[in-house]
Amino acid sequence: MRFIKIHKPSKDDAVYQYMLKKETEGKPKKVAKIAALNKFLRIYYARVKEAYVVA
């Protein structure tokens, strides 16, 4: 997750913004990173699920 803070995403930055939000709320850096990772996995799962839905 250190890479995320070094190279800011240009378009789809929901995870990056969420991590910054958690850090500004006073969460420890590790907690903010884990929360951002959890959000990333939920977004990724939703997109994969959406791609493979049989209509």
Protein backbone atom coordinates (compact mmCIF):
# COMPACT_ATOMS: atom_id res chain seq x y z
CA MET A 1 0.00 0.00 0.00
CA ARG A 2 2.98 2.32 0.24
CA PHE A 3 2.97 2.40 -3.54
CA ILE A 4 -0.52 3.91 -3.51
CA LYS A 5 0.67 6.95 -1.57
CA ILE A 6 3.76 7.45 -3.74
CA HIS A 7 1.93 7.35 -7.09
CA LYS A 8 -1.46 9.00 -6.87
CA PRO A 9 -4.01 7.37 -9.16
CA SER A 10 -5.26 9.60 -11.93
CA LYS A 11 -8.86 8.50 -12.51
CA ASP A 12 -10.22 5.79 -10.22
CA ASP A 13 -8.94 6.91 -6.82
CA ALA A 14 -11.71 5.78 -4.46
CA VAL A 15 -9.37 3.52 -2.48
CA TYR A 16 -6.69 6.20 -2.19
CA GLN A 17 -9.20 8.80 -0.99
CA TYR A 18 -10.66 6.31 1.49
CA MET A 19 -7.20 5.60 2.93
CA LEU A 20 -6.50 9.32 3.31
CA LYS A 21 -9.89 9.79 4.98
CA LYS A 22 -9.14 7.06 7.52
CA GLU A 23 -5.72 8.58 8.26
CA THR A 24 -7.25 12.01 8.83
CA GLU A 25 -9.80 10.43 11.18
CA GLY A 26 -6.85 9.52 13.39
CA LYS A 27 -6.59 5.83 12.56
CA PRO A 28 -3.10 4.32 12.75
CA LYS A 29 -1.45 3.91 9.34
CA LYS A 30 -1.70 0.12 9.42
CA VAL A 31 -5.42 0.26 10.21
CA ALA A 32 -6.01 2.76 7.40
CA LYS A 33 -4.10 0.54 4.95
CA ILE A 34 -6.05 -2.57 5.94
CA ALA A 35 -9.33 -0.65 5.61
CA ALA A 36 -8.29 0.56 2.14
CA LEU A 37 -7.29 -2.97 1.14
CA ASN A 38 -10.68 -4.24 2.30
CA LYS A 39 -12.41 -1.56 0.23
CA PHE A 40 -10.28 -2.46 -2.81
CA LEU A 41 -11.21 -6.14 -2.48
CA ARG A 42 -14.91 -5.33 -2.21
CA ILE A 43 -14.76 -3.12 -5.33
CA TYR A 44 -12.72 -5.73 -7.23
CA TYR A 45 -15.11 -8.53 -6.27
CA ALA A 46 -18.13 -6.48 -7.37
CA ARG A 47 -16.55 -5.74 -10.76
CA VAL A 48 -15.56 -9.35 -11.36
CA LYS A 49 -18.98 -10.54 -10.31
CA GLU A 50 -20.59 -8.00 -12.63
CA ALA A 51 -18.44 -9.18 -15.55
CA TYR A 52 -19.41 -12.82 -15.12
CA VAL A 53 -23.13 -12.44 -14.46
CA VAL A 54 -25.08 -14.70 -16.80
CA ALA A 55 -28.07 -12.82 -18.13
